[in-house]
Amino acid sequence: MLHYPYIPNSNEAVRKEMLDFIGAESVEEIYAFIPDEVRMKRPLDLPEPFTSEMDLKKHVDSILMKDSTCDENISFLGAGCYNHYVPAVCDEINGRSEFLTAYSGDTYADHGKLQTFFEFTSMMGELLNMDVVSFPTYDGGQAASTAVMMSHRINHRKKVLIPETMNPNLLSQLECYCEGVDLIKVRPLENGQIDLENLKGKLSDDVSCVFIQNPSFLGFFEEQCKEIGCLAHEAGAQYIVYADPASLGIISAPADYGADIACGDIQPLGIHMSYGGGLGGYLATRQEEQYVMNYPHHLYSIFKNSKGEFGYARALPERTSYYVREKAVEYLGTCVGLWAVTAAVYLAVMGPEGMKEMGENILYKCNYAQKKLETVEGIRLPYKESRGFMEFVINVDGTGKTVAEINKELLKYRIFGGYDLSRQMPSMGQSMLVCVTEKTDFSDIDTLAEALKKILSKEE
């Protein structure tokens, strides 16, 4: 049976009633304020509408069937969004209507959700060894941008030192978001580690902060984190570390080597990859007024009333644009609260031992993959002297093939190859960023190595 959904207020009689109520002669009159030069003078080029839900579903399903996902292919893609395992309980709980469809309420309306947000910030604080953690931002890039602007508001300096090997997409967000500051790149050594001498030469009393990624965008751990932090502090600058939470079960938290502000993306914490979504940023600091009053996002606290009952609330809301609009420290829009719920579930299920086990699993597989791929003729590992965590760079300059060509041929083996670095970091030549997670089997790595041998030896 065909189904024709009714669209409210769409018939002419109701439309005329609404126009009469507001005193307008036509719908066109409502939009008269839009300048003529920016108005479209033709109808939108849209396909004919489907008149039944059944036909629409068939059409959409036929489009979706053309997709090729990581479920039926082996994936070695990363570069900011990762194919981690998502425990079933994460989807079960974040799919509950009180979380999935209920908008964030205030203390008198939604104690359950506020408690969940508090638990998220508490567990993230434990993971990061920080006192204060914000409600999730849109993604790690916004968290990083806000971290930079926090440091700028605190010390009123304008220069920001960043690694030359920073994630290009993250850099693009900083360039767009961070008004009033100058981003200055610090060059790396041959092994990819930050050149401390170059850093020293760029530090001065007008540097607001030193920003690093650990692990770096190119996959390896930055092994001079403490020294970098000391140099930043000696110059009176803030020290910001963008850290992957998946690595914090096996390495020190940013706070332990001097970070003033930690930030990053929570997508590795039980959140599926999703084209255009599935991302959420975290921001964490010590509990000091200069930091707390510079958070533009919601902070959640626990309190006890006169009867000894515990409750949960937003703390110091007067900082945010939800309360004071243009007077706020920074603009705050609707954030990604559902991912706070999901990450809280994930962290509660994993616990410290689970995070450690996952980190070790990834580390072992990453080491195995590097050793395996290095045996393939034509492949070079430019940063093998540095310790890789989940990603590493391979270079194929001597093969006569581009990364794009290799990745296209890998699709024949049902393999998604690594991220093509040559597109945004051409100085690295024909290089790709290979990613392995706890979901990657050792046999998947062997399959990639064999496929690359065939492609690069021109046996096909």
Protein backbone atom coordinates (compact mmCIF):
# COMPACT_ATOMS: atom_id res chain seq x y z
CA MET A 1 0.00 0.00 0.00
CA LEU A 2 1.34 3.42 -0.93
CA HIS A 3 1.74 6.00 1.78
CA TYR A 4 1.37 9.73 1.16
CA PRO A 5 2.64 11.67 4.18
CA TYR A 6 0.76 14.88 4.98
CA ILE A 7 2.85 18.02 5.20
CA PRO A 8 1.23 20.37 7.77
CA ASN A 9 0.37 23.95 6.78
CA SER A 10 1.04 23.25 3.10
CA ASN A 11 -2.40 23.78 1.56
CA GLU A 12 -3.45 27.14 0.16
CA ALA A 13 -6.17 27.85 2.73
CA VAL A 14 -3.84 27.45 5.69
CA ARG A 15 -1.10 29.40 3.90
CA LYS A 16 -3.50 32.32 3.30
CA GLU A 17 -4.60 32.22 6.95
CA MET A 18 -0.97 32.50 8.10
CA LEU A 19 -0.23 35.35 5.67
CA ASP A 20 -3.32 37.23 6.82
CA PHE A 21 -2.27 36.80 10.45
CA ILE A 22 1.13 38.44 9.86
CA GLY A 23 -0.29 41.03 7.49
CA ALA A 24 1.52 39.92 4.32
CA GLU A 25 0.02 39.67 0.84
CA SER A 26 2.28 36.81 -0.32
CA VAL A 27 5.20 34.60 0.66
CA GLU A 28 7.34 36.68 -1.72
CA GLU A 29 6.71 39.74 0.46
CA ILE A 30 8.34 37.98 3.44
CA TYR A 31 11.60 37.59 1.51
CA ALA A 32 11.59 41.06 -0.04
CA PHE A 33 14.52 42.17 2.16
CA ILE A 34 16.92 39.82 0.31
CA PRO A 35 18.92 41.85 -2.27
CA ASP A 36 17.90 41.18 -5.85
CA GLU A 37 21.48 40.47 -7.00
CA VAL A 38 21.85 37.45 -4.68
CA ARG A 39 18.45 35.93 -5.38
CA MET A 40 18.08 32.89 -7.62
CA LYS A 41 15.80 33.69 -10.55
CA ARG A 42 15.07 30.10 -11.59
CA PRO A 43 13.61 27.04 -9.90
CA LEU A 44 16.04 24.63 -8.26
CA ASP A 45 17.14 21.82 -10.57
CA LEU A 46 15.64 19.00 -8.50
CA PRO A 47 14.52 15.54 -9.64
CA GLU A 48 10.85 14.60 -9.68
CA PRO A 49 9.60 13.86 -6.16
CA PHE A 50 8.80 10.34 -5.00
CA THR A 51 5.15 10.12 -4.06
CA SER A 52 5.54 7.07 -1.85
CA GLU A 53 7.83 6.31 1.05
CA MET A 54 8.35 2.81 -0.32
CA ASP A 55 9.76 4.07 -3.63
CA LEU A 56 11.92 6.64 -1.85
CA LYS A 57 13.40 3.92 0.38
CA LYS A 58 14.23 1.76 -2.66
CA HIS A 59 15.93 4.72 -4.32
CA VAL A 60 18.04 5.60 -1.26
CA ASP A 61 18.95 1.93 -0.68
CA SER A 62 20.15 1.64 -4.29
CA ILE A 63 22.50 4.59 -3.70
CA LEU A 64 23.79 3.22 -0.39
CA MET A 65 24.52 -0.16 -1.98
CA LYS A 66 27.17 1.53 -4.13
CA ASP A 67 29.17 2.40 -1.01
CA SER A 68 32.20 0.37 -0.05
CA THR A 69 32.92 0.35 3.68
CA CYS A 70 35.52 -0.87 6.15
CA ASP A 71 33.24 -3.79 7.01
CA GLU A 72 33.87 -5.51 3.69
CA ASN A 73 37.34 -4.11 3.02
CA ILE A 74 40.62 -4.00 4.92
CA SER A 75 41.33 -0.40 5.85
CA PHE A 76 44.66 1.28 6.54
CA LEU A 77 43.22 4.79 6.56
CA GLY A 78 43.57 7.09 9.56
CA ALA A 79 44.85 10.67 9.59
CA GLY A 80 42.35 11.87 12.19
CA CYS A 81 39.43 9.43 12.00
CA TYR A 82 40.06 5.82 13.02
CA ASN A 83 38.52 2.39 12.60
CA HIS A 84 38.51 1.38 16.27
CA TYR A 85 36.30 -1.33 17.71
CA VAL A 86 33.03 -0.05 19.16
CA PRO A 87 31.62 -2.23 21.97
CA ALA A 88 27.95 -3.08 21.46
CA VAL A 89 27.01 -1.44 24.75
CA CYS A 90 28.04 1.98 23.36
CA ASP A 91 25.41 1.80 20.62
CA GLU A 92 22.86 0.27 22.97
CA ILE A 93 23.05 3.13 25.46
CA ASN A 94 23.52 6.07 23.11
CA GLY A 95 20.54 4.77 21.11
CA ARG A 96 18.18 5.12 24.06
CA SER A 97 15.61 7.85 23.45
CA GLU A 98 16.49 9.82 26.59
CA PHE A 99 19.99 10.29 25.14
CA LEU A 100 19.50 10.08 21.38
CA THR A 101 16.53 12.41 20.93
CA ALA A 102 16.30 14.42 24.18
CA TYR A 103 17.95 17.80 23.99
CA SER A 104 20.21 18.79 26.88
CA GLY A 105 18.01 20.01 29.71
CA ASP A 106 18.75 22.09 32.78
CA THR A 107 19.21 20.73 36.27
CA TYR A 108 15.52 20.77 37.15
CA ALA A 109 14.59 18.82 34.01
CA ASP A 110 17.31 16.38 33.14
CA HIS A 111 19.37 15.10 36.07
CA GLY A 112 20.20 11.81 34.34
CA LYS A 113 21.83 13.40 31.36
CA LEU A 114 23.74 15.94 33.42
CA GLN A 115 25.07 13.14 35.61
CA THR A 116 26.24 11.33 32.47
CA PHE A 117 28.03 14.47 31.27
CA PHE A 118 29.66 14.80 34.70
CA GLU A 119 30.82 11.18 34.55
CA PHE A 120 32.29 11.80 31.07
CA THR A 121 34.31 14.78 32.27
CA SER A 122 35.39 12.89 35.41
CA MET A 123 36.71 9.87 33.50
CA MET A 124 38.39 12.06 30.90
CA GLY A 125 40.00 13.99 33.76
CA GLU A 126 41.35 10.75 35.17
CA LEU A 127 42.67 9.67 31.77
CA LEU A 128 44.32 13.06 31.20
CA ASN A 129 45.34 13.67 34.82
CA MET A 130 43.67 17.09 34.60
CA ASP A 131 41.22 18.75 36.99
CA VAL A 132 38.79 20.35 34.55
CA VAL A 133 37.37 18.92 31.31
CA SER A 134 34.85 20.66 29.08
CA PHE A 135 31.71 19.40 27.41
CA PRO A 136 32.72 18.06 23.95
CA THR A 137 33.30 20.55 21.15
CA TYR A 138 32.35 19.85 17.53
CA ASP A 139 35.66 18.07 16.91
CA GLY A 140 39.31 18.00 17.92
CA GLY A 141 40.04 20.89 15.58
CA GLN A 142 37.67 23.20 17.42
CA ALA A 143 39.12 22.05 20.75
CA ALA A 144 42.63 22.85 19.47
CA SER A 145 41.50 26.24 18.18
CA THR A 146 39.87 27.10 21.49
CA ALA A 147 43.02 25.97 23.35
CA VAL A 148 45.07 28.43 21.29
CA MET A 149 42.59 31.24 21.87
CA MET A 150 42.51 30.47 25.62
CA SER A 151 46.26 30.94 25.79
CA HIS A 152 45.97 34.17 23.78
CA ARG A 153 43.34 35.54 26.17
CA ILE A 154 45.43 34.57 29.20
CA ASN A 155 48.74 36.20 28.22
CA HIS A 156 47.64 38.55 25.39
CA ARG A 157 50.52 37.42 23.18
CA LYS A 158 50.11 36.86 19.46
CA LYS A 159 52.59 34.23 18.23
CA VAL A 160 51.75 30.53 18.25
CA LEU A 161 54.49 27.97 17.56
CA ILE A 162 53.29 24.79 15.84
CA PRO A 163 55.11 21.78 14.34
CA GLU A 164 55.78 21.87 10.62
CA THR A 165 54.42 18.32 10.46
CA MET A 166 51.02 19.25 11.93
CA ASN A 167 47.91 17.62 10.47
CA PRO A 168 47.09 19.89 7.48
CA ASN A 169 43.36 19.68 8.21
CA LEU A 170 43.93 20.71 11.81
CA LEU A 171 46.16 23.56 10.65
CA SER A 172 43.43 24.73 8.29
CA GLN A 173 41.00 24.96 11.22
CA LEU A 174 43.47 26.93 13.30
CA GLU A 175 44.05 29.37 10.45
CA CYS A 176 40.32 29.90 10.04
CA TYR A 177 39.34 30.05 13.72
CA CYS A 178 42.21 31.79 15.49
CA GLU A 179 41.90 35.49 14.72
CA GLY A 180 44.51 37.85 16.05
CA VAL A 181 47.35 35.33 16.32
CA ASP A 182 50.24 34.39 14.01
CA LEU A 183 50.93 30.70 13.42
CA ILE A 184 54.68 30.04 13.10
CA LYS A 185 56.02 26.63 12.11
CA VAL A 186 58.89 24.87 13.87
CA ARG A 187 60.87 22.53 11.64
CA PRO A 188 61.54 18.87 12.46
CA LEU A 189 64.77 16.90 12.61
CA GLU A 190 65.35 14.14 10.04
CA ASN A 191 63.70 11.60 12.35
CA GLY A 192 60.59 13.78 12.56
CA GLN A 193 61.12 14.95 16.15
CA ILE A 194 60.85 18.69 16.78
CA ASP A 195 64.14 20.52 16.31
CA LEU A 196 64.73 22.01 19.78
CA GLU A 197 67.33 24.48 18.50
CA ASN A 198 64.88 25.77 15.92
CA LEU A 199 62.24 26.02 18.65
CA LYS A 200 64.59 27.97 20.92
CA GLY A 201 65.32 30.42 18.12
CA LYS A 202 61.64 31.20 17.69
CA LEU A 203 60.68 31.51 21.35
CA SER A 204 60.37 35.08 22.62
CA ASP A 205 58.32 37.19 25.00
CA ASP A 206 55.58 37.58 22.38
CA VAL A 207 54.93 33.83 21.96
CA SER A 208 51.53 32.92 23.37
CA CYS A 209 51.87 29.15 23.27
CA VAL A 210 53.78 26.17 21.95
CA PHE A 211 51.45 23.59 20.39
CA ILE A 212 52.40 19.98 19.65
CA GLN A 213 50.64 16.76 18.62
CA ASN A 214 51.54 13.61 20.53
CA PRO A 215 51.49 11.19 18.82
CA SER A 216 52.42 13.40 15.89
CA PHE A 217 50.31 13.54 12.75
CA LEU A 218 52.92 11.32 11.09
CA GLY A 219 52.32 8.65 13.69
CA PHE A 220 55.31 8.61 16.00
CA PHE A 221 55.58 9.69 19.63
CA GLU A 222 57.21 13.06 20.27
CA GLU A 223 60.03 12.01 22.61
CA GLN A 224 61.07 15.48 23.81
CA CYS A 225 57.75 16.53 25.31
CA LYS A 226 59.14 17.51 28.71
CA GLU A 227 61.98 19.55 27.18
CA ILE A 228 59.54 21.35 24.87
CA GLY A 229 57.31 22.22 27.82
CA CYS A 230 60.24 23.57 29.83
CA LEU A 231 61.35 25.78 26.95
CA ALA A 232 57.80 27.11 26.52
CA HIS A 233 57.45 27.91 30.22
CA GLU A 234 60.86 29.59 30.38
CA ALA A 235 59.60 31.98 27.70
CA GLY A 236 56.37 32.59 29.66
CA ALA A 237 54.28 30.75 27.03
CA GLN A 238 51.50 28.24 27.52
CA TYR A 239 52.12 24.61 26.53
CA ILE A 240 49.33 22.89 24.58
CA VAL A 241 49.35 19.17 23.75
CA TYR A 242 46.94 17.62 21.26
CA ALA A 243 46.80 13.99 22.40
CA ASP A 244 45.05 10.90 21.05
CA PRO A 245 43.11 9.41 23.99
CA ALA A 246 43.67 5.91 22.56
CA SER A 247 47.37 6.26 23.40
CA LEU A 248 46.92 7.33 27.02
CA GLY A 249 46.66 3.81 28.38
CA ILE A 250 50.35 3.26 27.62
CA ILE A 251 52.04 6.68 27.76
CA SER A 252 52.07 9.54 30.22
CA ALA A 253 49.23 12.02 30.15
CA PRO A 254 50.10 15.50 28.78
CA ALA A 255 49.83 17.01 32.27
CA ASP A 256 52.59 14.70 33.48
CA TYR A 257 55.13 16.32 31.15
CA GLY A 258 54.07 19.90 31.70
CA ALA A 259 51.07 20.59 29.46
CA ASP A 260 48.95 23.53 30.57
CA ILE A 261 46.13 22.67 28.18
CA ALA A 262 45.33 19.26 26.69
CA CYS A 263 43.01 18.83 23.74
CA GLY A 264 42.13 16.32 21.06
CA ASP A 265 39.34 14.26 19.53
CA ILE A 266 37.20 11.70 21.36
CA GLN A 267 36.25 9.73 18.22
CA PRO A 268 38.53 6.82 19.29
CA LEU A 269 36.39 6.37 22.42
CA GLY A 270 33.56 4.16 21.17
CA ILE A 271 32.38 6.36 18.30
CA HIS A 272 31.91 4.94 14.82
CA MET A 273 33.52 6.56 11.80
CA SER A 274 30.91 8.60 9.99
CA TYR A 275 31.30 10.72 6.88
CA GLY A 276 30.93 14.27 8.12
CA GLY A 277 30.27 13.26 11.73
CA GLY A 278 31.32 11.01 14.57
CA LEU A 279 33.80 13.55 15.91
CA GLY A 280 33.94 15.44 19.19
CA GLY A 281 36.71 17.42 20.84
CA TYR A 282 37.89 17.51 24.44
CA LEU A 283 39.59 20.35 26.29
CA ALA A 284 41.26 19.95 29.70
CA THR A 285 43.25 22.10 32.13
CA ARG A 286 44.20 22.45 35.77
CA GLN A 287 41.60 23.96 38.10
CA GLU A 288 42.91 27.51 38.04
CA GLU A 289 40.83 30.62 37.51
CA GLN A 290 42.77 31.80 34.46
CA TYR A 291 41.82 28.59 32.66
CA VAL A 292 38.37 27.91 34.07
CA MET A 293 37.05 31.39 33.23
CA ASN A 294 38.35 31.06 29.67
CA TYR A 295 36.38 27.93 28.78
CA PRO A 296 33.65 28.95 26.35
CA HIS A 297 31.90 25.57 26.70
CA HIS A 298 29.73 24.07 29.40
CA LEU A 299 31.40 22.70 32.54
CA TYR A 300 29.51 20.25 34.70
CA SER A 301 29.82 20.04 38.48
CA ILE A 302 28.43 18.01 41.36
CA PHE A 303 27.02 19.67 44.49
CA LYS A 304 25.31 18.78 47.77
CA ASN A 305 22.22 20.63 48.95
CA SER A 306 21.16 21.42 52.55
CA LYS A 307 19.48 18.02 52.83
CA GLY A 308 22.66 16.19 51.91
CA GLU A 309 21.36 15.24 48.46
CA PHE A 310 23.66 15.30 45.47
CA GLY A 311 22.84 17.05 42.21
CA TYR A 312 24.50 18.08 38.97
CA ALA A 313 24.64 21.47 37.30
CA ARG A 314 26.40 23.63 34.75
CA ALA A 315 29.17 25.57 36.42
CA LEU A 316 29.85 29.31 35.92
CA PRO A 317 27.50 29.68 32.93
CA GLU A 318 28.14 33.43 32.80
CA ARG A 319 31.28 32.66 30.75
CA THR A 320 29.27 31.34 27.82
CA SER A 321 27.33 32.82 24.94
CA TYR A 322 24.31 30.88 26.16
CA TYR A 323 24.02 33.50 28.91
CA VAL A 324 25.75 36.69 27.78
CA ARG A 325 25.94 36.31 23.99
CA GLU A 326 28.42 38.83 22.57
CA LYS A 327 30.11 39.35 25.96
CA ALA A 328 31.10 35.68 26.20
CA VAL A 329 34.74 34.62 26.07
CA GLU A 330 34.02 32.81 22.79
CA TYR A 331 30.93 31.76 20.86
CA LEU A 332 29.31 28.46 21.90
CA GLY A 333 26.85 26.66 19.66
CA THR A 334 25.08 23.36 20.09
CA CYS A 335 27.75 20.78 20.89
CA VAL A 336 27.95 17.05 20.47
CA GLY A 337 26.48 15.83 23.75
CA LEU A 338 25.59 12.39 22.42
CA TRP A 339 29.29 11.62 21.99
CA ALA A 340 29.90 12.58 25.62
CA VAL A 341 27.43 9.85 26.55
CA THR A 342 29.11 7.37 24.20
CA ALA A 343 32.64 8.14 25.37
CA ALA A 344 31.54 7.87 29.00
CA VAL A 345 30.14 4.40 28.33
CA TYR A 346 33.31 3.38 26.50
CA LEU A 347 35.66 4.59 29.24
CA ALA A 348 33.53 2.94 31.93
CA VAL A 349 33.56 -0.39 30.07
CA MET A 350 37.27 -0.29 29.23
CA GLY A 351 38.66 0.96 32.52
CA PRO A 352 42.42 1.56 32.99
CA GLU A 353 43.37 -2.03 32.14
CA GLY A 354 41.26 -2.04 28.98
CA MET A 355 42.82 1.20 27.75
CA LYS A 356 46.27 -0.22 28.46
CA GLU A 357 45.49 -3.46 26.62
CA MET A 358 44.15 -1.59 23.60
CA GLY A 359 47.22 0.65 23.46
CA GLU A 360 49.60 -2.29 23.68
CA ASN A 361 47.65 -4.16 20.99
CA ILE A 362 47.94 -1.21 18.62
CA LEU A 363 51.61 -0.68 19.42
CA TYR A 364 52.55 -4.31 18.69
CA LYS A 365 50.64 -4.33 15.42
CA CYS A 366 52.12 -1.02 14.32
CA ASN A 367 55.65 -2.34 14.95
CA TYR A 368 54.84 -5.53 13.06
CA ALA A 369 53.42 -3.57 10.11
CA GLN A 370 56.50 -1.36 9.84
CA LYS A 371 58.85 -4.34 9.83
CA LYS A 372 56.69 -6.19 7.33
CA LEU A 373 56.30 -3.35 4.85
CA GLU A 374 59.97 -2.40 5.05
CA THR A 375 60.76 -5.76 3.42
CA VAL A 376 58.79 -4.77 0.29
CA GLU A 377 61.17 -3.62 -2.43
CA GLY A 378 60.75 0.07 -3.24
CA ILE A 379 59.27 1.02 0.13
CA ARG A 380 61.21 3.26 2.50
CA LEU A 381 60.27 4.25 6.07
CA PRO A 382 61.60 7.81 6.50
CA TYR A 383 60.87 8.03 10.25
CA LYS A 384 61.66 4.51 11.41
CA GLU A 385 64.09 5.84 14.03
CA SER A 386 61.11 7.30 15.91
CA ARG A 387 58.63 5.09 17.75
CA GLY A 388 55.34 4.77 15.89
CA PHE A 389 52.09 4.24 17.74
CA MET A 390 49.16 3.69 15.38
CA GLU A 391 50.37 5.27 12.13
CA PHE A 392 53.61 5.49 10.20
CA VAL A 393 54.86 6.91 6.91
CA ILE A 394 55.99 4.86 3.94
CA ASN A 395 57.63 6.47 0.92
CA VAL A 396 57.45 5.03 -2.63
CA ASP A 397 59.44 7.64 -4.57
CA GLY A 398 61.71 5.03 -6.14
CA THR A 399 58.93 2.87 -7.57
CA GLY A 400 57.78 5.07 -10.44
CA LYS A 401 54.24 5.00 -9.06
CA THR A 402 52.27 7.62 -7.21
CA VAL A 403 50.41 6.94 -3.98
CA ALA A 404 47.16 7.63 -5.80
CA GLU A 405 47.98 4.95 -8.39
CA ILE A 406 48.95 2.44 -5.71
CA ASN A 407 45.79 3.07 -3.70
CA LYS A 408 43.68 2.61 -6.81
CA GLU A 409 45.31 -0.75 -7.49
CA LEU A 410 44.91 -1.80 -3.85
CA LEU A 411 41.14 -1.52 -4.27
CA LYS A 412 41.34 -4.63 -6.50
CA TYR A 413 42.43 -6.52 -3.39
CA ARG A 414 39.61 -4.97 -1.36
CA ILE A 415 42.10 -2.83 0.55
CA PHE A 416 41.78 0.83 1.42
CA GLY A 417 45.38 2.04 1.26
CA GLY A 418 46.98 4.69 3.44
CA TYR A 419 46.29 8.42 3.47
CA ASP A 420 47.94 10.15 0.51
CA LEU A 421 50.30 12.71 2.05
CA SER A 422 51.50 13.98 -1.33
CA ARG A 423 48.30 15.96 -1.78
CA GLN A 424 48.77 18.27 1.21
CA MET A 425 52.44 17.75 2.12
CA PRO A 426 54.18 17.59 -1.28
CA SER A 427 57.62 18.14 0.25
CA MET A 428 57.43 14.55 1.51
CA GLY A 429 57.27 13.21 -2.04
CA GLN A 430 55.12 10.19 -2.78
CA SER A 431 54.36 9.17 0.78
CA MET A 432 51.36 7.61 2.48
CA LEU A 433 50.31 7.43 6.11
CA VAL A 434 49.48 3.84 7.02
CA CYS A 435 47.20 3.23 10.00
CA VAL A 436 46.60 0.07 12.03
CA THR A 437 44.23 -0.23 14.99
CA GLU A 438 43.24 -3.00 17.37
CA LYS A 439 40.78 -4.15 14.67
CA THR A 440 43.62 -4.79 12.19
CA ASP A 441 44.62 -8.46 12.13
CA PHE A 442 48.21 -9.54 11.55
CA SER A 443 46.87 -11.37 8.48
CA ASP A 444 45.50 -8.05 7.18
CA ILE A 445 49.00 -6.59 7.37
CA ASP A 446 50.40 -9.62 5.54
CA THR A 447 47.74 -9.18 2.85
CA LEU A 448 48.74 -5.53 2.38
CA ALA A 449 52.42 -6.46 2.12
CA GLU A 450 51.74 -9.13 -0.51
CA ALA A 451 49.50 -6.81 -2.51
CA LEU A 452 52.15 -4.07 -2.48
CA LYS A 453 54.82 -6.54 -3.61
CA LYS A 454 52.73 -7.43 -6.64
CA ILE A 455 51.82 -3.84 -7.46
CA LEU A 456 55.33 -2.49 -7.11
CA SER A 457 56.99 -5.39 -8.96
CA LYS A 458 54.57 -4.86 -11.87
CA GLU A 459 53.42 -8.49 -11.79
CA GLU A 460 49.87 -7.49 -12.50
